[in-house]
PDB file of N, CA and C in Angstrom:
ATOM      1  N   MET A   1     279.308 174.425 174.087  1.00  0.00           N
ATOM      2  CA  MET A   1     279.290 175.834 173.733  1.00  0.00           C
ATOM      3  C   MET A   1     277.852 176.324 173.547  1.00  0.00           C
ATOM      4  N   ILE A   2     277.042 175.548 172.805  1.00  0.00           N
ATOM      5  CA  ILE A   2     275.665 175.949 172.548  1.00  0.00           C
ATOM      6  C   ILE A   2     274.854 175.933 173.833  1.00  0.00           C
ATOM      7  N   ARG A   3     275.097 174.945 174.671  1.00  0.00           N
ATOM      8  CA  ARG A   3     274.357 174.869 175.944  1.00  0.00           C
ATOM      9  C   ARG A   3     274.691 176.054 176.837  1.00  0.00           C
ATOM     10  N   ALA A   4     275.950 176.468 176.838  1.00  0.00           N
ATOM     11  CA  ALA A   4     276.350 177.616 177.646  1.00  0.00           C
ATOM     12  C   ALA A   4     275.687 178.891 177.143  1.00  0.00           C
ATOM     13  N   LEU A   5     275.611 179.045 175.831  1.00  0.00           N
ATOM     14  CA  LEU A   5     274.941 180.208 175.250  1.00  0.00           C
ATOM     15  C   LEU A   5     273.456 180.195 175.577  1.00  0.00           C
ATOM     16  N   PHE A   6     272.834 179.026 175.490  1.00  0.00           N
ATOM     17  CA  PHE A   6     271.421 178.894 175.839  1.00  0.00           C
ATOM     18  C   PHE A   6     271.177 179.305 177.285  1.00  0.00           C
ATOM     19  N   LEU A   7     271.985 178.790 178.186  1.00  0.00           N
ATOM     20  CA  LEU A   7     271.822 179.120 179.607  1.00  0.00           C
ATOM     21  C   LEU A   7     272.087 180.603 179.878  1.00  0.00           C
ATOM     22  N   LEU A   8     273.070 181.169 179.204  1.00  0.00           N
ATOM     23  CA  LEU A   8     273.363 182.590 179.365  1.00  0.00           C
ATOM     24  C   LEU A   8     272.174 183.441 178.928  1.00  0.00           C
ATOM     25  N   LEU A   9     271.579 183.102 177.789  1.00  0.00           N
ATOM     26  CA  LEU A   9     270.430 183.862 177.311  1.00  0.00           C
ATOM     27  C   LEU A   9     269.219 183.704 178.225  1.00  0.00           C
ATOM     28  N   VAL A  10     269.035 182.529 178.798  1.00  0.00           N
ATOM     29  CA  VAL A  10     267.942 182.334 179.752  1.00  0.00           C
ATOM     30  C   VAL A  10     268.164 183.197 180.987  1.00  0.00           C
ATOM     31  N   VAL A  11     269.391 183.229 181.498  1.00  0.00           N
ATOM     32  CA  VAL A  11     269.693 184.044 182.680  1.00  0.00           C
ATOM     33  C   VAL A  11     269.495 185.528 182.379  1.00  0.00           C
ATOM     34  N   VAL A  12     269.947 185.969 181.215  1.00  0.00           N
ATOM     35  CA  VAL A  12     269.764 187.370 180.824  1.00  0.00           C
ATOM     36  C   VAL A  12     268.289 187.712 180.741  1.00  0.00           C
ATOM     37  N   ALA A  13     267.496 186.822 180.166  1.00  0.00           N
ATOM     38  CA  ALA A  13     266.059 187.061 180.051  1.00  0.00           C
ATOM     39  C   ALA A  13     265.404 187.149 181.424  1.00  0.00           C
ATOM     40  N   ILE A  14     265.799 186.284 182.337  1.00  0.00           N
ATOM     41  CA  ILE A  14     265.231 186.305 183.692  1.00  0.00           C
ATOM     42  C   ILE A  14     265.617 187.593 184.414  1.00  0.00           C
ATOM     43  N   VAL A  15     266.869 187.982 184.315  1.00  0.00           N
ATOM     44  CA  VAL A  15     267.330 189.208 184.980  1.00  0.00           C
ATOM     45  C   VAL A  15     266.610 190.438 184.423  1.00  0.00           C
ATOM     46  N   LEU A  16     266.495 190.514 183.100  1.00  0.00           N
ATOM     47  CA  LEU A  16     265.775 191.649 182.505  1.00  0.00           C
ATOM     48  C   LEU A  16     264.317 191.654 182.935  1.00  0.00           C
ATOM     49  N   GLY A  17     263.714 190.486 183.004  1.00  0.00           N
ATOM     50  CA  GLY A  17     262.325 190.397 183.446  1.00  0.00           C
ATOM     51  C   GLY A  17     262.150 190.851 184.880  1.00  0.00           C
ATOM     52  N   ILE A  18     263.041 190.441 185.755  1.00  0.00           N
ATOM     53  CA  ILE A  18     262.952 190.847 187.166  1.00  0.00           C
ATOM     54  C   ILE A  18     263.148 192.343 187.311  1.00  0.00           C
ATOM     55  N   ILE A  19     264.131 192.887 186.624  1.00  0.00           N
ATOM     56  CA  ILE A  19     264.360 194.336 186.688  1.00  0.00           C
ATOM     57  C   ILE A  19     263.157 195.082 186.123  1.00  0.00           C
ATOM     58  N   GLY A  20     262.579 194.555 185.038  1.00  0.00           N
ATOM     59  CA  GLY A  20     261.419 195.197 184.432  1.00  0.00           C
ATOM     60  C   GLY A  20     260.204 195.196 185.339  1.00  0.00           C
ATOM     61  N   VAL A  21     260.047 194.157 186.150  1.00  0.00           N
ATOM     62  CA  VAL A  21     258.911 194.087 187.065  1.00  0.00           C
ATOM     63  C   VAL A  21     259.144 194.956 188.298  1.00  0.00           C
ATOM     64  N   VAL A  22     260.356 194.922 188.830  1.00  0.00           N
ATOM     65  CA  VAL A  22     260.652 195.612 190.096  1.00  0.00           C
ATOM     66  C   VAL A  22     260.796 197.117 189.908  1.00  0.00           C
ATOM     67  N   ALA A  23     261.539 197.528 188.902  1.00  0.00           N
ATOM     68  CA  ALA A  23     261.812 198.952 188.705  1.00  0.00           C
ATOM     69  C   ALA A  23     260.599 199.634 188.076  1.00  0.00           C
ATOM     70  N   LYS A  24     260.215 200.714 188.667  1.00  0.00           N
ATOM     71  CA  LYS A  24     259.059 201.454 188.168  1.00  0.00           C
ATOM     72  C   LYS A  24     259.422 202.160 186.867  1.00  0.00           C
ATOM     73  N   GLY A  25     258.588 201.994 185.864  1.00  0.00           N
ATOM     74  CA  GLY A  25     258.816 202.655 184.591  1.00  0.00           C
ATOM     75  C   GLY A  25     259.748 201.921 183.644  1.00  0.00           C
ATOM     76  N   LEU A  26     260.178 200.715 184.005  1.00  0.00           N
ATOM     77  CA  LEU A  26     261.070 199.949 183.135  1.00  0.00           C
ATOM     78  C   LEU A  26     260.396 198.677 182.628  1.00  0.00           C
ATOM     79  N   PHE A  27     259.111 198.800 182.314  1.00  0.00           N
ATOM     80  CA  PHE A  27     258.343 197.664 181.828  1.00  0.00           C
ATOM     81  C   PHE A  27     258.915 197.129 180.518  1.00  0.00           C
ATOM     82  N   TYR A  28     259.534 198.020 179.736  1.00  0.00           N
ATOM     83  CA  TYR A  28     260.094 197.588 178.457  1.00  0.00           C
ATOM     84  C   TYR A  28     261.189 196.538 178.659  1.00  0.00           C
ATOM     85  N   LEU A  29     261.871 196.541 179.798  1.00  0.00           N
ATOM     86  CA  LEU A  29     262.880 195.511 180.063  1.00  0.00           C
ATOM     87  C   LEU A  29     262.233 194.143 180.221  1.00  0.00           C
ATOM     88  N   LEU A  30     261.046 194.117 180.811  1.00  0.00           N
ATOM     89  CA  LEU A  30     260.316 192.857 180.918  1.00  0.00           C
ATOM     90  C   LEU A  30     259.958 192.347 179.530  1.00  0.00           C
ATOM     91  N   VAL A  31     259.515 193.233 178.668  1.00  0.00           N
ATOM     92  CA  VAL A  31     259.163 192.852 177.298  1.00  0.00           C
ATOM     93  C   VAL A  31     260.394 192.340 176.550  1.00  0.00           C
ATOM     94  N   ILE A  32     261.508 193.025 176.697  1.00  0.00           N
ATOM     95  CA  ILE A  32     262.751 192.590 176.047  1.00  0.00           C
ATOM     96  C   ILE A  32     263.190 191.229 176.590  1.00  0.00           C
ATOM     97  N   GLY A  33     263.062 191.032 177.892  1.00  0.00           N
ATOM     98  CA  GLY A  33     263.423 189.751 178.499  1.00  0.00           C
ATOM     99  C   GLY A  33     262.577 188.605 177.961  1.00  0.00           C
ATOM    100  N   VAL A  34     261.282 188.848 177.802  1.00  0.00           N
ATOM    101  CA  VAL A  34     260.401 187.818 177.244  1.00  0.00           C
ATOM    102  C   VAL A  34     260.766 187.532 175.790  1.00  0.00           C
ATOM    103  N   MET A  35     261.083 188.572 175.037  1.00  0.00           N
ATOM    104  CA  MET A  35     261.460 188.382 173.636  1.00  0.00           C
ATOM    105  C   MET A  35     262.766 187.596 173.515  1.00  0.00           C
ATOM    106  N   VAL A  36     263.729 187.874 174.382  1.00  0.00           N
ATOM    107  CA  VAL A  36     264.998 187.132 174.374  1.00  0.00           C
ATOM    108  C   VAL A  36     264.743 185.666 174.717  1.00  0.00           C
ATOM    109  N   LEU A  37     263.890 185.416 175.695  1.00  0.00           N
ATOM    110  CA  LEU A  37     263.578 184.048 176.091  1.00  0.00           C
ATOM    111  C   LEU A  37     262.894 183.292 174.954  1.00  0.00           C
ATOM    112  N   LEU A  38     261.939 183.924 174.292  1.00  0.00           N
ATOM    113  CA  LEU A  38     261.259 183.273 173.172  1.00  0.00           C
ATOM    114  C   LEU A  38     262.221 182.999 172.022  1.00  0.00           C
ATOM    115  N   ALA A  39     263.072 183.959 171.710  1.00  0.00           N
ATOM    116  CA  ALA A  39     264.051 183.759 170.643  1.00  0.00           C
ATOM    117  C   ALA A  39     265.012 182.622 170.989  1.00  0.00           C
ATOM    118  N   ASP A  40     265.367 182.527 172.253  1.00  0.00           N
ATOM    119  CA  ASP A  40     266.266 181.470 172.696  1.00  0.00           C
ATOM    120  C   ASP A  40     265.627 180.096 172.505  1.00  0.00           C
ATOM    121  N   PHE A  41     264.358 179.967 172.846  1.00  0.00           N
ATOM    122  CA  PHE A  41     263.678 178.682 172.674  1.00  0.00           C
ATOM    123  C   PHE A  41     263.469 178.351 171.194  1.00  0.00           C
ATOM    124  N   VAL A  42     263.226 179.348 170.374  1.00  0.00           N
ATOM    125  CA  VAL A  42     263.096 179.106 168.930  1.00  0.00           C
ATOM    126  C   VAL A  42     264.428 178.602 168.368  1.00  0.00           C
ATOM    127  N   LEU A  43     265.519 179.238 168.745  1.00  0.00           N
ATOM    128  CA  LEU A  43     266.833 178.798 168.275  1.00  0.00           C
ATOM    129  C   LEU A  43     267.163 177.393 168.772  1.00  0.00           C
ATOM    130  N   LEU A  44     266.779 177.090 170.009  1.00  0.00           N
ATOM    131  CA  LEU A  44     267.008 175.748 170.533  1.00  0.00           C
ATOM    132  C   LEU A  44     266.199 174.728 169.746  1.00  0.00           C
ATOM    133  N   GLY A  45     264.947 175.052 169.447  1.00  0.00           N
ATOM    134  CA  GLY A  45     264.119 174.142 168.666  1.00  0.00           C
ATOM    135  C   GLY A  45     264.674 173.898 167.278  1.00  0.00           C
ATOM    136  N   LEU A  46     265.151 174.959 166.631  1.00  0.00           N
ATOM    137  CA  LEU A  46     265.761 174.804 165.314  1.00  0.00           C
ATOM    138  C   LEU A  46     267.016 173.953 165.389  1.00  0.00           C
ATOM    139  N   ARG A  47     267.791 174.188 166.410  1.00  0.00           N
ATOM    140  CA  ARG A  47     269.033 173.426 166.574  1.00  0.00           C
ATOM    141  C   ARG A  47     268.735 171.944 166.775  1.00  0.00           C
ATOM    142  N   LEU A  48     267.714 171.651 167.584  1.00  0.00           N
ATOM    143  CA  LEU A  48     267.360 170.255 167.816  1.00  0.00           C
ATOM    144  C   LEU A  48     266.814 169.605 166.543  1.00  0.00           C
ATOM    145  N   ARG A  49     265.998 170.341 165.820  1.00  0.00           N
ATOM    146  CA  ARG A  49     265.405 169.797 164.598  1.00  0.00           C
ATOM    147  C   ARG A  49     266.460 169.553 163.523  1.00  0.00           C
ATOM    148  N   LEU A  50     267.340 170.511 163.335  1.00  0.00           N
ATOM    149  CA  LEU A  50     268.401 170.342 162.346  1.00  0.00           C
ATOM    150  C   LEU A  50     269.418 169.307 162.795  1.00  0.00           C
ATOM    151  N   GLY A  51     269.624 169.218 164.096  1.00  0.00           N
ATOM    152  CA  GLY A  51     270.584 168.253 164.633  1.00  0.00           C
ATOM    153  C   GLY A  51     270.143 166.821 164.398  1.00  0.00           C
ATOM    154  N   ARG A  52     268.833 166.577 164.455  1.00  0.00           N
ATOM    155  CA  ARG A  52     268.330 165.231 164.206  1.00  0.00           C
ATOM    156  C   ARG A  52     268.542 164.817 162.754  1.00  0.00           C
ATOM    157  N   ARG A  53     268.377 165.759 161.867  1.00  0.00           N
ATOM    158  CA  ARG A  53     268.523 165.445 160.439  1.00  0.00           C
ATOM    159  C   ARG A  53     269.969 165.147 160.070  1.00  0.00           C
ATOM    160  N   ARG A  54     270.864 165.927 160.617  1.00  0.00           N
ATOM    161  CA  ARG A  54     272.282 165.804 160.238  1.00  0.00           C
ATOM    162  C   ARG A  54     273.097 164.984 161.219  1.00  0.00           C
ATOM    163  N   GLY A  55     272.522 164.659 162.351  1.00  0.00           N
ATOM    164  CA  GLY A  55     273.260 163.907 163.348  1.00  0.00           C
ATOM    165  C   GLY A  55     274.269 164.758 164.107  1.00  0.00           C
ATOM    166  N   LEU A  56     273.996 166.067 164.207  1.00  0.00           N
ATOM    167  CA  LEU A  56     274.921 166.955 164.912  1.00  0.00           C
ATOM    168  C   LEU A  56     274.710 166.867 166.413  1.00  0.00           C
ATOM    169  N   PRO A  57     275.765 166.883 167.181  1.00  0.00           N
ATOM    170  CA  PRO A  57     275.613 166.900 168.641  1.00  0.00           C
ATOM    171  C   PRO A  57     275.190 168.277 169.123  1.00  0.00           C
ATOM    172  N   LEU A  58     274.512 168.311 170.254  1.00  0.00           N
ATOM    173  CA  LEU A  58     274.142 169.597 170.856  1.00  0.00           C
ATOM    174  C   LEU A  58     275.355 170.145 171.500  1.00  0.00           C
TER     175      LEU A  58
END
């Protein structure tokens, strides 16, 4: 479940980034895509760190 959510957020970030680069005047979508990608990696890092302590599976 968590892996599917991670992959979904990565795909959303990539799509927003591409639309933000291609479409004129939609640079804010690129910024939002980068922010979603960074948040996704932060959540993944927290999940991995907490998972090691508690022995939780990914």
